[in-house]
């Protein structure tokens, strides 16, 4: 059962990471790049305006980071419940299939049966 849990978990983690990356990480990186564009103003007034602009953009990024953290936390909580349910359903399906296979095989002679999973 452990390999099944691991494979389902990794698939879900990859999916959630891609969603978070596309919604929050990549756009934030883009904004940081734009905010850090070279300032050609060499006078004091231009430098102050550039610093004000950076401070404003920094605050926007902080707000977006907090929103992203809340969203990620919400996703993780919901995903943990969903993953546990999906794993339990899949494990029940595997056990049920195995029980049907074992019942069918019980009627076969020993020379014709192929026992891949143990029948219990």
Protein backbone atom coordinates (compact mmCIF):
# COMPACT_ATOMS: atom_id res chain seq x y z
CA UNK A 1 0.00 0.00 0.00
CA UNK A 2 2.90 2.36 0.67
CA UNK A 3 3.98 2.68 -3.02
CA UNK A 4 0.37 3.51 -3.93
CA UNK A 5 0.18 6.21 -1.26
CA UNK A 6 3.50 7.66 -2.35
CA UNK A 7 2.58 7.76 -6.04
CA UNK A 8 -0.79 9.41 -5.38
CA UNK A 9 0.84 11.87 -3.00
CA UNK A 10 3.58 12.84 -5.46
CA UNK A 11 1.07 13.35 -8.26
CA UNK A 12 -1.00 15.64 -6.06
CA UNK A 13 2.05 17.56 -4.81
CA UNK A 14 3.22 18.18 -8.38
CA UNK A 15 -0.23 19.39 -9.39
CA UNK A 16 -0.53 21.75 -6.42
CA UNK A 17 3.01 23.07 -6.95
CA UNK A 18 2.28 23.84 -10.59
CA UNK A 19 -0.92 25.68 -9.64
CA UNK A 20 0.82 27.74 -6.96
CA UNK A 21 3.79 28.46 -9.20
CA UNK A 22 1.59 29.73 -12.03
CA UNK A 23 -0.66 31.83 -9.77
CA UNK A 24 1.86 33.29 -7.32
CA UNK A 25 5.55 32.52 -7.75
CA UNK A 26 6.12 33.33 -11.42
CA UNK A 27 4.08 36.57 -11.42
CA UNK A 28 5.85 37.74 -8.24
CA UNK A 29 9.26 37.03 -9.77
CA UNK A 30 8.25 39.00 -12.84
CA UNK A 31 7.21 41.97 -10.68
CA UNK A 32 10.50 41.90 -8.78
CA UNK A 33 12.36 41.96 -12.09
CA UNK A 34 10.37 44.95 -13.29
CA UNK A 35 10.80 46.75 -9.97
CA UNK A 36 14.56 46.34 -10.10
CA UNK A 37 14.97 47.81 -13.58
CA UNK A 38 17.86 50.22 -13.68
CA UNK A 39 17.09 53.77 -12.67
CA UNK A 40 18.70 56.24 -15.04
CA UNK A 41 17.94 59.28 -12.91
CA UNK A 42 21.11 60.53 -11.30
CA UNK A 43 19.69 63.56 -9.54
CA UNK A 44 18.46 63.39 -5.96
CA UNK A 45 14.80 63.86 -6.87
CA UNK A 46 14.90 60.95 -9.35
CA UNK A 47 16.59 58.70 -6.82
CA UNK A 48 13.97 59.53 -4.18
CA UNK A 49 11.14 58.82 -6.64
CA UNK A 50 12.77 55.50 -7.54
CA UNK A 51 13.13 54.57 -3.85
CA UNK A 52 9.48 55.48 -3.23
CA UNK A 53 8.47 53.33 -6.19
CA UNK A 54 10.50 50.41 -4.82
CA UNK A 55 8.93 50.79 -1.38
CA UNK A 56 5.45 50.78 -2.93
CA UNK A 57 6.20 47.69 -5.01
CA UNK A 58 7.73 45.98 -1.98
CA UNK A 59 4.51 46.53 -0.04
CA UNK A 60 2.45 45.13 -2.93
CA UNK A 61 4.65 42.03 -3.01
CA UNK A 62 4.34 41.57 0.76
CA UNK A 63 0.55 41.74 0.48
CA UNK A 64 0.56 39.27 -2.40
CA UNK A 65 2.92 36.98 -0.47
CA UNK A 66 0.57 36.96 2.51
CA UNK A 67 -2.37 36.19 0.23
CA UNK A 68 -0.37 33.39 -1.39
CA UNK A 69 0.56 31.91 2.00
CA UNK A 70 -3.11 31.83 3.03
CA UNK A 71 -4.08 30.23 -0.28
CA UNK A 72 -1.32 27.63 -0.01
CA UNK A 73 -2.35 26.78 3.55
CA UNK A 74 -5.97 26.38 2.44
CA UNK A 75 -4.89 24.13 -0.45
CA UNK A 76 -2.77 21.96 1.82
CA UNK A 77 -5.61 21.49 4.33
CA UNK A 78 -8.09 20.57 1.62
CA UNK A 79 -5.60 18.41 -0.22
CA UNK A 80 -4.73 16.35 2.86
CA UNK A 81 -8.38 15.39 3.31
CA UNK A 82 -8.85 14.72 -0.40
CA UNK A 83 -5.67 12.63 -0.64
CA UNK A 84 -6.58 10.48 2.33
CA UNK A 85 -10.02 9.84 0.85
CA UNK A 86 -8.60 9.03 -2.61
CA UNK A 87 -6.04 6.61 -1.16
CA UNK A 88 -8.66 4.85 0.96
CA UNK A 89 -10.98 4.47 -2.04
CA UNK A 90 -8.20 3.10 -4.24
CA UNK A 91 -7.02 0.69 -1.55
CA UNK A 92 -10.58 -0.59 -1.06
CA UNK A 93 -10.89 -1.11 -4.81
CA UNK A 94 -7.65 -3.09 -4.94
CA UNK A 95 -8.70 -5.29 -2.01
CA UNK A 96 -12.11 -5.88 -3.57
CA UNK A 97 -10.59 -6.84 -6.93
CA UNK A 98 -8.18 -9.18 -5.19
CA UNK A 99 -10.99 -10.85 -3.24
CA UNK A 100 -12.96 -11.46 -6.45
CA UNK A 101 -9.86 -12.89 -8.11
CA UNK A 102 -9.24 -15.19 -5.17
CA UNK A 103 -12.86 -16.46 -5.22
CA UNK A 104 -12.57 -17.20 -8.96
CA UNK A 105 -9.25 -18.94 -8.51
CA UNK A 106 -10.56 -21.10 -5.67
CA UNK A 107 -12.49 -23.15 -8.25
CA UNK A 108 -9.46 -23.75 -10.51
CA UNK A 109 -7.11 -26.71 -10.20
CA UNK A 110 -3.61 -26.06 -8.90
CA UNK A 111 -1.98 -26.42 -12.32
CA UNK A 112 -4.10 -23.64 -13.84
CA UNK A 113 -3.95 -21.04 -11.12
CA UNK A 114 -1.55 -18.13 -11.20
CA UNK A 115 -1.23 -16.47 -7.85
CA UNK A 116 0.12 -12.93 -8.28
CA UNK A 117 -1.23 -11.41 -5.06
CA UNK A 118 -1.73 -13.51 -1.95
CA UNK A 119 -5.31 -14.61 -1.29
CA UNK A 120 -6.31 -14.17 2.33
